[in-house]
């Protein structure tokens, strides 16, 4: 069963991004263990600051977003990274009406950030 094995330990940087102070470990049913090393910088989920969009979806999936960012470094194909993002949100019991649109957004727009 997919699960996060460690807590998210971060500090905010001056530019509004966040840096991991300790590794984040996620066990995926799809691809096995994912380790996001300490020192990695993230913006969490890149949710537009549009009224109601950020209010509804912002700050909902920090851990899954960090894993997704790491996988977007080209570690797996983009479709797999997006599937792991959805899986990680489900592992945290994020409601389907939140995770579904978030997954759809990365499927539609994630190609702009994918490093593969």
PDB file of N, CA and C in Angstrom:
ATOM      1  N   UNK A   1       0.843  -1.180   0.000  1.00  0.00           N
ATOM      2  CA  UNK A   1       0.000   0.000   0.000  1.00  0.00           C
ATOM      3  C   UNK A   1       0.889   1.244   0.000  1.00  0.00           C
ATOM      4  N   UNK A   2       0.617   2.155  -0.905  1.00  0.00           N
ATOM      5  CA  UNK A   2       1.407   3.387  -1.022  1.00  0.00           C
ATOM      6  C   UNK A   2       1.311   4.216   0.248  1.00  0.00           C
ATOM      7  N   UNK A   3       2.447   4.811   0.646  1.00  0.00           N
ATOM      8  CA  UNK A   3       2.457   5.609   1.866  1.00  0.00           C
ATOM      9  C   UNK A   3       3.717   6.460   1.939  1.00  0.00           C
ATOM     10  N   UNK A   4       3.587   7.595   2.596  1.00  0.00           N
ATOM     11  CA  UNK A   4       4.753   8.402   2.931  1.00  0.00           C
ATOM     12  C   UNK A   4       5.396   7.796   4.165  1.00  0.00           C
ATOM     13  N   UNK A   5       6.709   7.655   4.124  1.00  0.00           N
ATOM     14  CA  UNK A   5       7.445   7.020   5.210  1.00  0.00           C
ATOM     15  C   UNK A   5       8.084   8.032   6.147  1.00  0.00           C
ATOM     16  N   UNK A   6       8.163   9.285   5.713  1.00  0.00           N
ATOM     17  CA  UNK A   6       8.724  10.347   6.547  1.00  0.00           C
ATOM     18  C   UNK A   6       7.825  11.570   6.457  1.00  0.00           C
ATOM     19  N   UNK A   7       7.998  12.458   7.400  1.00  0.00           N
ATOM     20  CA  UNK A   7       7.275  13.726   7.384  1.00  0.00           C
ATOM     21  C   UNK A   7       8.007  14.722   6.491  1.00  0.00           C
ATOM     22  N   UNK A   8       7.293  15.730   6.100  1.00  0.00           N
ATOM     23  CA  UNK A   8       7.861  16.810   5.300  1.00  0.00           C
ATOM     24  C   UNK A   8       8.504  17.817   6.254  1.00  0.00           C
ATOM     25  N   UNK A   9       9.795  18.028   6.101  1.00  0.00           N
ATOM     26  CA  UNK A   9      10.552  18.948   6.947  1.00  0.00           C
ATOM     27  C   UNK A   9      11.187  19.987   6.028  1.00  0.00           C
ATOM     28  N   UNK A  10      10.645  21.210   6.039  1.00  0.00           N
ATOM     29  CA  UNK A  10      11.082  22.251   5.111  1.00  0.00           C
ATOM     30  C   UNK A  10      11.280  23.579   5.834  1.00  0.00           C
ATOM     31  N   UNK A  11      11.994  24.468   5.127  1.00  0.00           N
ATOM     32  CA  UNK A  11      12.086  25.850   5.598  1.00  0.00           C
ATOM     33  C   UNK A  11      11.797  26.751   4.407  1.00  0.00           C
ATOM     34  N   UNK A  12      11.182  27.872   4.684  1.00  0.00           N
ATOM     35  CA  UNK A  12      10.846  28.809   3.618  1.00  0.00           C
ATOM     36  C   UNK A  12      12.062  29.643   3.254  1.00  0.00           C
ATOM     37  N   UNK A  13      12.274  29.810   1.965  1.00  0.00           N
ATOM     38  CA  UNK A  13      13.365  30.636   1.462  1.00  0.00           C
ATOM     39  C   UNK A  13      12.857  32.047   1.184  1.00  0.00           C
ATOM     40  N   UNK A  14      13.763  32.970   0.991  1.00  0.00           N
ATOM     41  CA  UNK A  14      13.397  34.377   0.790  1.00  0.00           C
ATOM     42  C   UNK A  14      12.550  34.588  -0.454  1.00  0.00           C
ATOM     43  N   UNK A  15      12.688  33.713  -1.460  1.00  0.00           N
ATOM     44  CA  UNK A  15      11.943  33.889  -2.701  1.00  0.00           C
ATOM     45  C   UNK A  15      10.572  33.223  -2.688  1.00  0.00           C
ATOM     46  N   UNK A  16      10.132  32.702  -1.532  1.00  0.00           N
ATOM     47  CA  UNK A  16       8.818  32.082  -1.419  1.00  0.00           C
ATOM     48  C   UNK A  16       8.807  30.590  -1.718  1.00  0.00           C
ATOM     49  N   UNK A  17       9.944  30.050  -2.142  1.00  0.00           N
ATOM     50  CA  UNK A  17      10.034  28.599  -2.333  1.00  0.00           C
ATOM     51  C   UNK A  17      10.454  27.968  -1.002  1.00  0.00           C
ATOM     52  N   UNK A  18      10.532  26.650  -1.002  1.00  0.00           N
ATOM     53  CA  UNK A  18      10.823  25.900   0.206  1.00  0.00           C
ATOM     54  C   UNK A  18      11.953  24.919  -0.050  1.00  0.00           C
ATOM     55  N   UNK A  19      12.786  24.690   0.982  1.00  0.00           N
ATOM     56  CA  UNK A  19      13.895  23.753   0.881  1.00  0.00           C
ATOM     57  C   UNK A  19      13.718  22.623   1.885  1.00  0.00           C
ATOM     58  N   UNK A  20      13.903  21.385   1.416  1.00  0.00           N
ATOM     59  CA  UNK A  20      13.799  20.234   2.306  1.00  0.00           C
ATOM     60  C   UNK A  20      14.993  20.196   3.245  1.00  0.00           C
ATOM     61  N   UNK A  21      14.718  20.029   4.524  1.00  0.00           N
ATOM     62  CA  UNK A  21      15.771  19.922   5.535  1.00  0.00           C
ATOM     63  C   UNK A  21      16.136  18.469   5.809  1.00  0.00           C
ATOM     64  N   UNK A  22      15.251  17.564   5.436  1.00  0.00           N
ATOM     65  CA  UNK A  22      15.477  16.124   5.603  1.00  0.00           C
ATOM     66  C   UNK A  22      14.861  15.417   4.401  1.00  0.00           C
ATOM     67  N   UNK A  23      15.344  14.220   4.071  1.00  0.00           N
ATOM     68  CA  UNK A  23      14.770  13.504   2.937  1.00  0.00           C
ATOM     69  C   UNK A  23      13.282  13.209   3.159  1.00  0.00           C
ATOM     70  N   UNK A  24      12.534  13.233   2.060  1.00  0.00           N
ATOM     71  CA  UNK A  24      11.134  12.815   2.072  1.00  0.00           C
ATOM     72  C   UNK A  24      11.082  11.473   1.360  1.00  0.00           C
ATOM     73  N   UNK A  25      10.558  10.451   2.036  1.00  0.00           N
ATOM     74  CA  UNK A  25      10.479   9.108   1.474  1.00  0.00           C
ATOM     75  C   UNK A  25       9.031   8.738   1.227  1.00  0.00           C
ATOM     76  N   UNK A  26       8.785   8.223   0.015  1.00  0.00           N
ATOM     77  CA  UNK A  26       7.447   7.784  -0.372  1.00  0.00           C
ATOM     78  C   UNK A  26       7.557   6.396  -0.972  1.00  0.00           C
ATOM     79  N   UNK A  27       6.718   5.482  -0.530  1.00  0.00           N
ATOM     80  CA  UNK A  27       6.667   4.129  -1.083  1.00  0.00           C
ATOM     81  C   UNK A  27       5.477   4.050  -2.019  1.00  0.00           C
ATOM     82  N   UNK A  28       5.775   3.901  -3.299  1.00  0.00           N
ATOM     83  CA  UNK A  28       4.752   3.878  -4.342  1.00  0.00           C
ATOM     84  C   UNK A  28       4.462   2.456  -4.780  1.00  0.00           C
ATOM     85  N   UNK A  29       3.194   2.136  -4.931  1.00  0.00           N
ATOM     86  CA  UNK A  29       2.830   0.847  -5.513  1.00  0.00           C
ATOM     87  C   UNK A  29       3.193   0.794  -6.988  1.00  0.00           C
ATOM     88  N   UNK A  30       3.287   1.938  -7.627  1.00  0.00           N
ATOM     89  CA  UNK A  30       3.555   1.995  -9.064  1.00  0.00           C
ATOM     90  C   UNK A  30       5.036   1.864  -9.409  1.00  0.00           C
ATOM     91  N   UNK A  31       5.905   2.521  -8.626  1.00  0.00           N
ATOM     92  CA  UNK A  31       7.327   2.555  -8.999  1.00  0.00           C
ATOM     93  C   UNK A  31       8.290   2.217  -7.862  1.00  0.00           C
ATOM     94  N   UNK A  32       7.771   1.869  -6.700  1.00  0.00           N
ATOM     95  CA  UNK A  32       8.650   1.557  -5.571  1.00  0.00           C
ATOM     96  C   UNK A  32       8.993   2.805  -4.767  1.00  0.00           C
ATOM     97  N   UNK A  33      10.114   2.759  -4.084  1.00  0.00           N
ATOM     98  CA  UNK A  33      10.500   3.844  -3.184  1.00  0.00           C
ATOM     99  C   UNK A  33      11.027   5.050  -3.949  1.00  0.00           C
ATOM    100  N   UNK A  34      10.531   6.219  -3.547  1.00  0.00           N
ATOM    101  CA  UNK A  34      11.000   7.495  -4.083  1.00  0.00           C
ATOM    102  C   UNK A  34      11.613   8.261  -2.928  1.00  0.00           C
ATOM    103  N   UNK A  35      12.849   8.709  -3.109  1.00  0.00           N
ATOM    104  CA  UNK A  35      13.498   9.546  -2.098  1.00  0.00           C
ATOM    105  C   UNK A  35      13.748  10.920  -2.694  1.00  0.00           C
ATOM    106  N   UNK A  36      13.225  11.922  -2.012  1.00  0.00           N
ATOM    107  CA  UNK A  36      13.520  13.305  -2.370  1.00  0.00           C
ATOM    108  C   UNK A  36      14.556  13.761  -1.349  1.00  0.00           C
ATOM    109  N   UNK A  37      15.791  14.020  -1.785  1.00  0.00           N
ATOM    110  CA  UNK A  37      16.858  14.295  -0.827  1.00  0.00           C
ATOM    111  C   UNK A  37      16.738  15.660  -0.147  1.00  0.00           C
ATOM    112  N   UNK A  38      17.328  15.742   1.021  1.00  0.00           N
ATOM    113  CA  UNK A  38      17.443  17.033   1.705  1.00  0.00           C
ATOM    114  C   UNK A  38      18.157  18.008   0.777  1.00  0.00           C
ATOM    115  N   UNK A  39      17.766  19.264   0.857  1.00  0.00           N
ATOM    116  CA  UNK A  39      18.385  20.293   0.036  1.00  0.00           C
ATOM    117  C   UNK A  39      17.592  20.644  -1.207  1.00  0.00           C
ATOM    118  N   UNK A  40      16.697  19.753  -1.631  1.00  0.00           N
ATOM    119  CA  UNK A  40      15.875  20.024  -2.811  1.00  0.00           C
ATOM    120  C   UNK A  40      14.970  21.229  -2.526  1.00  0.00           C
ATOM    121  N   UNK A  41      14.812  22.077  -3.534  1.00  0.00           N
ATOM    122  CA  UNK A  41      13.974  23.269  -3.425  1.00  0.00           C
ATOM    123  C   UNK A  41      12.697  23.027  -4.220  1.00  0.00           C
ATOM    124  N   UNK A  42      11.565  23.409  -3.652  1.00  0.00           N
ATOM    125  CA  UNK A  42      10.262  23.188  -4.272  1.00  0.00           C
ATOM    126  C   UNK A  42       9.374  24.418  -4.101  1.00  0.00           C
ATOM    127  N   UNK A  43       8.402  24.527  -4.985  1.00  0.00           N
ATOM    128  CA  UNK A  43       7.352  25.548  -4.808  1.00  0.00           C
ATOM    129  C   UNK A  43       6.038  24.863  -4.445  1.00  0.00           C
ATOM    130  N   UNK A  44       6.127  23.580  -4.089  1.00  0.00           N
ATOM    131  CA  UNK A  44       4.968  22.714  -3.873  1.00  0.00           C
ATOM    132  C   UNK A  44       4.181  22.677  -5.178  1.00  0.00           C
ATOM    133  N   UNK A  45       2.897  22.645  -5.128  1.00  0.00           N
ATOM    134  CA  UNK A  45       2.103  22.598  -6.355  1.00  0.00           C
ATOM    135  C   UNK A  45       2.020  24.007  -6.945  1.00  0.00           C
ATOM    136  N   UNK A  46       2.282  24.109  -8.229  1.00  0.00           N
ATOM    137  CA  UNK A  46       2.254  25.409  -8.908  1.00  0.00           C
ATOM    138  C   UNK A  46       0.818  25.783  -9.274  1.00  0.00           C
ATOM    139  N   UNK A  47       0.068  26.207  -8.291  1.00  0.00           N
ATOM    140  CA  UNK A  47      -1.341  26.547  -8.482  1.00  0.00           C
ATOM    141  C   UNK A  47      -1.437  28.030  -8.804  1.00  0.00           C
ATOM    142  N   UNK A  48      -2.107  28.398  -9.886  1.00  0.00           N
ATOM    143  CA  UNK A  48      -2.237  29.828 -10.206  1.00  0.00           C
ATOM    144  C   UNK A  48      -2.936  30.582  -9.077  1.00  0.00           C
ATOM    145  N   UNK A  49      -2.500  31.799  -8.864  1.00  0.00           N
ATOM    146  CA  UNK A  49      -3.084  32.631  -7.810  1.00  0.00           C
ATOM    147  C   UNK A  49      -4.361  33.325  -8.304  1.00  0.00           C
ATOM    148  N   UNK A  50      -5.180  32.580  -9.001  1.00  0.00           N
ATOM    149  CA  UNK A  50      -6.457  33.085  -9.504  1.00  0.00           C
ATOM    150  C   UNK A  50      -7.489  32.912  -8.389  1.00  0.00           C
ATOM    151  N   UNK A  51      -8.324  33.937  -8.157  1.00  0.00           N
ATOM    152  CA  UNK A  51      -9.333  33.786  -7.101  1.00  0.00           C
ATOM    153  C   UNK A  51     -10.110  32.481  -7.241  1.00  0.00           C
ATOM    154  N   UNK A  52     -10.358  31.852  -6.149  1.00  0.00           N
ATOM    155  CA  UNK A  52     -11.078  30.603  -5.992  1.00  0.00           C
ATOM    156  C   UNK A  52     -10.259  29.389  -6.429  1.00  0.00           C
ATOM    157  N   UNK A  53      -9.438  29.497  -7.466  1.00  0.00           N
ATOM    158  CA  UNK A  53      -8.624  28.350  -7.881  1.00  0.00           C
ATOM    159  C   UNK A  53      -7.602  28.051  -6.787  1.00  0.00           C
ATOM    160  N   UNK A  54      -6.834  29.054  -6.367  1.00  0.00           N
ATOM    161  CA  UNK A  54      -5.859  28.817  -5.316  1.00  0.00           C
ATOM    162  C   UNK A  54      -6.558  28.520  -3.983  1.00  0.00           C
ATOM    163  N   UNK A  55      -7.641  29.220  -3.729  1.00  0.00           N
ATOM    164  CA  UNK A  55      -8.388  28.986  -2.479  1.00  0.00           C
ATOM    165  C   UNK A  55      -8.829  27.532  -2.393  1.00  0.00           C
ATOM    166  N   UNK A  56      -9.282  26.964  -3.499  1.00  0.00           N
ATOM    167  CA  UNK A  56      -9.806  25.607  -3.497  1.00  0.00           C
ATOM    168  C   UNK A  56      -8.706  24.557  -3.539  1.00  0.00           C
ATOM    169  N   UNK A  57      -7.653  24.777  -4.349  1.00  0.00           N
ATOM    170  CA  UNK A  57      -6.647  23.742  -4.580  1.00  0.00           C
ATOM    171  C   UNK A  57      -5.294  24.012  -3.930  1.00  0.00           C
ATOM    172  N   UNK A  58      -4.998  25.260  -3.599  1.00  0.00           N
ATOM    173  CA  UNK A  58      -3.698  25.596  -3.046  1.00  0.00           C
ATOM    174  C   UNK A  58      -3.461  24.955  -1.692  1.00  0.00           C
ATOM    175  N   UNK A  59      -2.233  24.570  -1.464  1.00  0.00           N
ATOM    176  CA  UNK A  59      -1.792  24.031  -0.172  1.00  0.00           C
ATOM    177  C   UNK A  59      -2.534  22.754   0.226  1.00  0.00           C
ATOM    178  N   UNK A  60      -2.950  21.979  -0.751  1.00  0.00           N
ATOM    179  CA  UNK A  60      -3.703  20.751  -0.474  1.00  0.00           C
ATOM    180  C   UNK A  60      -2.858  19.485  -0.573  1.00  0.00           C
ATOM    181  N   UNK A  61      -1.746  19.558  -1.284  1.00  0.00           N
ATOM    182  CA  UNK A  61      -1.002  18.334  -1.589  1.00  0.00           C
ATOM    183  C   UNK A  61       0.500  18.579  -1.556  1.00  0.00           C
ATOM    184  N   UNK A  62       0.996  19.097  -0.455  1.00  0.00           N
ATOM    185  CA  UNK A  62       2.416  19.444  -0.369  1.00  0.00           C
ATOM    186  C   UNK A  62       3.333  18.241  -0.571  1.00  0.00           C
ATOM    187  N   UNK A  63       3.129  17.184   0.199  1.00  0.00           N
ATOM    188  CA  UNK A  63       3.999  16.008   0.067  1.00  0.00           C
ATOM    189  C   UNK A  63       3.926  15.416  -1.345  1.00  0.00           C
ATOM    190  N   UNK A  64       2.722  15.161  -1.869  1.00  0.00           N
ATOM    191  CA  UNK A  64       2.667  14.645  -3.240  1.00  0.00           C
ATOM    192  C   UNK A  64       3.313  15.578  -4.258  1.00  0.00           C
ATOM    193  N   UNK A  65       3.193  16.877  -4.061  1.00  0.00           N
ATOM    194  CA  UNK A  65       3.792  17.830  -5.003  1.00  0.00           C
ATOM    195  C   UNK A  65       5.318  17.750  -4.974  1.00  0.00           C
ATOM    196  N   UNK A  66       5.898  17.549  -3.806  1.00  0.00           N
ATOM    197  CA  UNK A  66       7.354  17.438  -3.705  1.00  0.00           C
ATOM    198  C   UNK A  66       7.838  16.180  -4.426  1.00  0.00           C
ATOM    199  N   UNK A  67       7.141  15.072  -4.237  1.00  0.00           N
ATOM    200  CA  UNK A  67       7.496  13.834  -4.938  1.00  0.00           C
ATOM    201  C   UNK A  67       7.341  14.046  -6.446  1.00  0.00           C
ATOM    202  N   UNK A  68       6.262  14.663  -6.858  1.00  0.00           N
ATOM    203  CA  UNK A  68       6.007  14.917  -8.279  1.00  0.00           C
ATOM    204  C   UNK A  68       7.103  15.793  -8.871  1.00  0.00           C
ATOM    205  N   UNK A  69       7.491  16.845  -8.166  1.00  0.00           N
ATOM    206  CA  UNK A  69       8.590  17.704  -8.644  1.00  0.00           C
ATOM    207  C   UNK A  69       9.856  16.888  -8.862  1.00  0.00           C
ATOM    208  N   UNK A  70      10.161  16.015  -7.929  1.00  0.00           N
ATOM    209  CA  UNK A  70      11.370  15.189  -8.031  1.00  0.00           C
ATOM    210  C   UNK A  70      11.298  14.259  -9.247  1.00  0.00           C
ATOM    211  N   UNK A  71      10.161  13.639  -9.437  1.00  0.00           N
ATOM    212  CA  UNK A  71      10.004  12.732 -10.570  1.00  0.00           C
ATOM    213  C   UNK A  71      10.060  13.476 -11.899  1.00  0.00           C
ATOM    214  N   UNK A  72       9.678  14.755 -11.887  1.00  0.00           N
ATOM    215  CA  UNK A  72       9.723  15.567 -13.105  1.00  0.00           C
ATOM    216  C   UNK A  72      11.150  15.935 -13.498  1.00  0.00           C
ATOM    217  N   UNK A  73      12.131  15.558 -12.693  1.00  0.00           N
ATOM    218  CA  UNK A  73      13.538  15.744 -13.065  1.00  0.00           C
ATOM    219  C   UNK A  73      13.961  14.704 -14.107  1.00  0.00           C
ATOM    220  N   UNK A  74      12.992  13.983 -14.655  1.00  0.00           N
ATOM    221  CA  UNK A  74      13.266  12.996 -15.677  1.00  0.00           C
ATOM    222  C   UNK A  74      13.530  11.603 -15.145  1.00  0.00           C
ATOM    223  N   UNK A  75      13.195  11.363 -13.880  1.00  0.00           N
ATOM    224  CA  UNK A  75      13.454  10.047 -13.287  1.00  0.00           C
ATOM    225  C   UNK A  75      12.546   8.968 -13.854  1.00  0.00           C
ATOM    226  N   UNK A  76      11.363   9.350 -14.292  1.00  0.00           N
ATOM    227  CA  UNK A  76      10.394   8.427 -14.900  1.00  0.00           C
ATOM    228  C   UNK A  76       9.694   9.181 -16.019  1.00  0.00           C
ATOM    229  N   UNK A  77       9.000   8.494 -16.916  1.00  0.00           N
ATOM    230  CA  UNK A  77       8.218   9.203 -17.928  1.00  0.00           C
ATOM    231  C   UNK A  77       7.174  10.118 -17.271  1.00  0.00           C
ATOM    232  N   UNK A  78       6.842  11.192 -17.952  1.00  0.00           N
ATOM    233  CA  UNK A  78       5.922  12.187 -17.395  1.00  0.00           C
ATOM    234  C   UNK A  78       4.587  11.573 -16.986  1.00  0.00           C
ATOM    235  N   UNK A  79       4.018  10.710 -17.800  1.00  0.00           N
ATOM    236  CA  UNK A  79       2.730  10.091 -17.462  1.00  0.00           C
ATOM    237  C   UNK A  79       2.837   9.289 -16.163  1.00  0.00           C
ATOM    238  N   UNK A  80       3.972   8.638 -15.956  1.00  0.00           N
ATOM    239  CA  UNK A  80       4.184   7.880 -14.720  1.00  0.00           C
ATOM    240  C   UNK A  80       4.288   8.826 -13.529  1.00  0.00           C
ATOM    241  N   UNK A  81       5.033   9.913 -13.683  1.00  0.00           N
ATOM    242  CA  UNK A  81       5.148  10.902 -12.602  1.00  0.00           C
ATOM    243  C   UNK A  81       3.774  11.439 -12.219  1.00  0.00           C
ATOM    244  N   UNK A  82       2.948  11.720 -13.217  1.00  0.00           N
ATOM    245  CA  UNK A  82       1.609  12.235 -12.948  1.00  0.00           C
ATOM    246  C   UNK A  82       0.736  11.195 -12.253  1.00  0.00           C
ATOM    247  N   UNK A  83       0.888   9.922 -12.644  1.00  0.00           N
ATOM    248  CA  UNK A  83       0.141   8.846 -11.990  1.00  0.00           C
ATOM    249  C   UNK A  83       0.579   8.684 -10.534  1.00  0.00           C
ATOM    250  N   UNK A  84       1.874   8.821 -10.281  1.00  0.00           N
ATOM    251  CA  UNK A  84       2.369   8.732  -8.900  1.00  0.00           C
ATOM    252  C   UNK A  84       1.847   9.907  -8.083  1.00  0.00           C
ATOM    253  N   UNK A  85       1.745  11.087  -8.690  1.00  0.00           N
ATOM    254  CA  UNK A  85       1.161  12.248  -8.012  1.00  0.00           C
ATOM    255  C   UNK A  85      -0.267  11.930  -7.553  1.00  0.00           C
ATOM    256  N   UNK A  86      -1.071  11.372  -8.451  1.00  0.00           N
ATOM    257  CA  UNK A  86      -2.449  10.999  -8.094  1.00  0.00           C
ATOM    258  C   UNK A  86      -2.465   9.929  -7.005  1.00  0.00           C
ATOM    259  N   UNK A  87      -1.594   8.936  -7.145  1.00  0.00           N
ATOM    260  CA  UNK A  87      -1.504   7.869  -6.153  1.00  0.00           C
ATOM    261  C   UNK A  87      -1.125   8.426  -4.778  1.00  0.00           C
ATOM    262  N   UNK A  88      -0.146   9.342  -4.756  1.00  0.00           N
ATOM    263  CA  UNK A  88       0.308   9.923  -3.486  1.00  0.00           C
ATOM    264  C   UNK A  88      -0.801  10.750  -2.830  1.00  0.00           C
ATOM    265  N   UNK A  89      -1.557  11.477  -3.636  1.00  0.00           N
ATOM    266  CA  UNK A  89      -2.692  12.225  -3.069  1.00  0.00           C
ATOM    267  C   UNK A  89      -3.720  11.267  -2.483  1.00  0.00           C
ATOM    268  N   UNK A  90      -3.997  10.178  -3.190  1.00  0.00           N
ATOM    269  CA  UNK A  90      -4.952   9.184  -2.684  1.00  0.00           C
ATOM    270  C   UNK A  90      -4.443   8.548  -1.393  1.00  0.00           C
ATOM    271  N   UNK A  91      -3.125   8.327  -1.302  1.00  0.00           N
ATOM    272  CA  UNK A  91      -2.565   7.715  -0.088  1.00  0.00           C
ATOM    273  C   UNK A  91      -2.775   8.591   1.142  1.00  0.00           C
ATOM    274  N   UNK A  92      -2.907   9.888   0.909  1.00  0.00           N
ATOM    275  CA  UNK A  92      -3.160  10.828   2.012  1.00  0.00           C
ATOM    276  C   UNK A  92      -4.650  11.092   2.194  1.00  0.00           C
ATOM    277  N   UNK A  93      -5.461  10.380   1.434  1.00  0.00           N
ATOM    278  CA  UNK A  93      -6.923  10.505   1.482  1.00  0.00           C
ATOM    279  C   UNK A  93      -7.413  11.905   1.098  1.00  0.00           C
ATOM    280  N   UNK A  94      -6.703  12.514   0.165  1.00  0.00           N
ATOM    281  CA  UNK A  94      -7.172  13.787  -0.389  1.00  0.00           C
ATOM    282  C   UNK A  94      -8.397  13.469  -1.231  1.00  0.00           C
ATOM    283  N   UNK A  95      -9.435  14.219  -1.044  1.00  0.00           N
ATOM    284  CA  UNK A  95     -10.731  13.941  -1.673  1.00  0.00           C
ATOM    285  C   UNK A  95     -10.612  13.870  -3.199  1.00  0.00           C
ATOM    286  N   UNK A  96     -11.362  12.967  -3.819  1.00  0.00           N
ATOM    287  CA  UNK A  96     -11.318  12.828  -5.276  1.00  0.00           C
ATOM    288  C   UNK A  96     -11.634  14.117  -6.024  1.00  0.00           C
ATOM    289  N   UNK A  97     -12.510  14.956  -5.496  1.00  0.00           N
ATOM    290  CA  UNK A  97     -12.857  16.203  -6.181  1.00  0.00           C
ATOM    291  C   UNK A  97     -11.739  17.239  -6.077  1.00  0.00           C
ATOM    292  N   UNK A  98     -10.735  16.978  -5.254  1.00  0.00           N
ATOM    293  CA  UNK A  98      -9.530  17.810  -5.206  1.00  0.00           C
ATOM    294  C   UNK A  98      -8.450  17.171  -6.094  1.00  0.00           C
ATOM    295  N   UNK A  99      -8.170  15.901  -5.860  1.00  0.00           N
ATOM    296  CA  UNK A  99      -7.064  15.256  -6.576  1.00  0.00           C
ATOM    297  C   UNK A  99      -7.336  15.077  -8.066  1.00  0.00           C
ATOM    298  N   UNK A 100      -8.570  14.854  -8.451  1.00  0.00           N
ATOM    299  CA  UNK A 100      -8.885  14.679  -9.869  1.00  0.00           C
ATOM    300  C   UNK A 100      -8.518  15.901 -10.705  1.00  0.00           C
ATOM    301  N   UNK A 101      -9.005  17.084 -10.351  1.00  0.00           N
ATOM    302  CA  UNK A 101      -8.622  18.278 -11.106  1.00  0.00           C
ATOM    303  C   UNK A 101      -7.129  18.605 -11.010  1.00  0.00           C
ATOM    304  N   UNK A 102      -6.496  18.312  -9.868  1.00  0.00           N
ATOM    305  CA  UNK A 102      -5.066  18.568  -9.754  1.00  0.00           C
ATOM    306  C   UNK A 102      -4.289  17.646 -10.696  1.00  0.00           C
ATOM    307  N   UNK A 103      -4.697  16.375 -10.767  1.00  0.00           N
ATOM    308  CA  UNK A 103      -4.060  15.450 -11.700  1.00  0.00           C
ATOM    309  C   UNK A 103      -4.297  15.915 -13.139  1.00  0.00           C
ATOM    310  N   UNK A 104      -5.526  16.311 -13.449  1.00  0.00           N
ATOM    311  CA  UNK A 104      -5.843  16.767 -14.812  1.00  0.00           C
ATOM    312  C   UNK A 104      -5.002  17.988 -15.189  1.00  0.00           C
ATOM    313  N   UNK A 105      -4.761  18.865 -14.242  1.00  0.00           N
ATOM    314  CA  UNK A 105      -3.956  20.061 -14.515  1.00  0.00           C
ATOM    315  C   UNK A 105      -2.513  19.691 -14.854  1.00  0.00           C
ATOM    316  N   UNK A 106      -1.926  18.742 -14.112  1.00  0.00           N
ATOM    317  CA  UNK A 106      -0.543  18.362 -14.440  1.00  0.00           C
ATOM    318  C   UNK A 106      -0.479  17.586 -15.753  1.00  0.00           C
ATOM    319  N   UNK A 107      -1.512  16.826 -16.069  1.00  0.00           N
ATOM    320  CA  UNK A 107      -1.539  16.122 -17.358  1.00  0.00           C
ATOM    321  C   UNK A 107      -1.624  17.122 -18.504  1.00  0.00           C
ATOM    322  N   UNK A 108      -2.418  18.172 -18.318  1.00  0.00           N
ATOM    323  CA  UNK A 108      -2.617  19.149 -19.393  1.00  0.00           C
ATOM    324  C   UNK A 108      -1.442  20.113 -19.529  1.00  0.00           C
ATOM    325  N   UNK A 109      -0.865  20.536 -18.418  1.00  0.00           N
ATOM    326  CA  UNK A 109       0.118  21.617 -18.445  1.00  0.00           C
ATOM    327  C   UNK A 109       1.520  21.230 -17.980  1.00  0.00           C
ATOM    328  N   UNK A 110       1.676  20.039 -17.454  1.00  0.00           N
ATOM    329  CA  UNK A 110       2.960  19.637 -16.879  1.00  0.00           C
ATOM    330  C   UNK A 110       4.105  19.580 -17.872  1.00  0.00           C
ATOM    331  N   UNK A 111       3.807  19.430 -19.143  1.00  0.00           N
ATOM    332  CA  UNK A 111       4.871  19.347 -20.154  1.00  0.00           C
ATOM    333  C   UNK A 111       5.773  20.574 -20.116  1.00  0.00           C
ATOM    334  N   UNK A 112       5.263  21.696 -19.602  1.00  0.00           N
ATOM    335  CA  UNK A 112       6.080  22.925 -19.564  1.00  0.00           C
ATOM    336  C   UNK A 112       7.196  22.838 -18.520  1.00  0.00           C
ATOM    337  N   UNK A 113       7.047  21.943 -17.541  1.00  0.00           N
ATOM    338  CA  UNK A 113       8.038  21.836 -16.466  1.00  0.00           C
ATOM    339  C   UNK A 113       8.836  20.528 -16.504  1.00  0.00           C
ATOM    340  N   UNK A 114       8.379  19.552 -17.257  1.00  0.00           N
ATOM    341  CA  UNK A 114       9.021  18.235 -17.257  1.00  0.00           C
ATOM    342  C   UNK A 114      10.422  18.315 -17.838  1.00  0.00           C
ATOM    343  N   UNK A 115      11.382  17.680 -17.144  1.00  0.00           N
ATOM    344  CA  UNK A 115      12.796  17.759 -17.531  1.00  0.00           C
ATOM    345  C   UNK A 115      13.295  16.503 -18.248  1.00  0.00           C
ATOM    346  N   UNK A 116      12.428  15.647 -18.719  1.00  0.00           N
ATOM    347  CA  UNK A 116      12.827  14.349 -19.286  1.00  0.00           C
ATOM    348  C   UNK A 116      13.345  14.387 -20.676  1.00  0.00           C
TER     349      UNK A 116
END
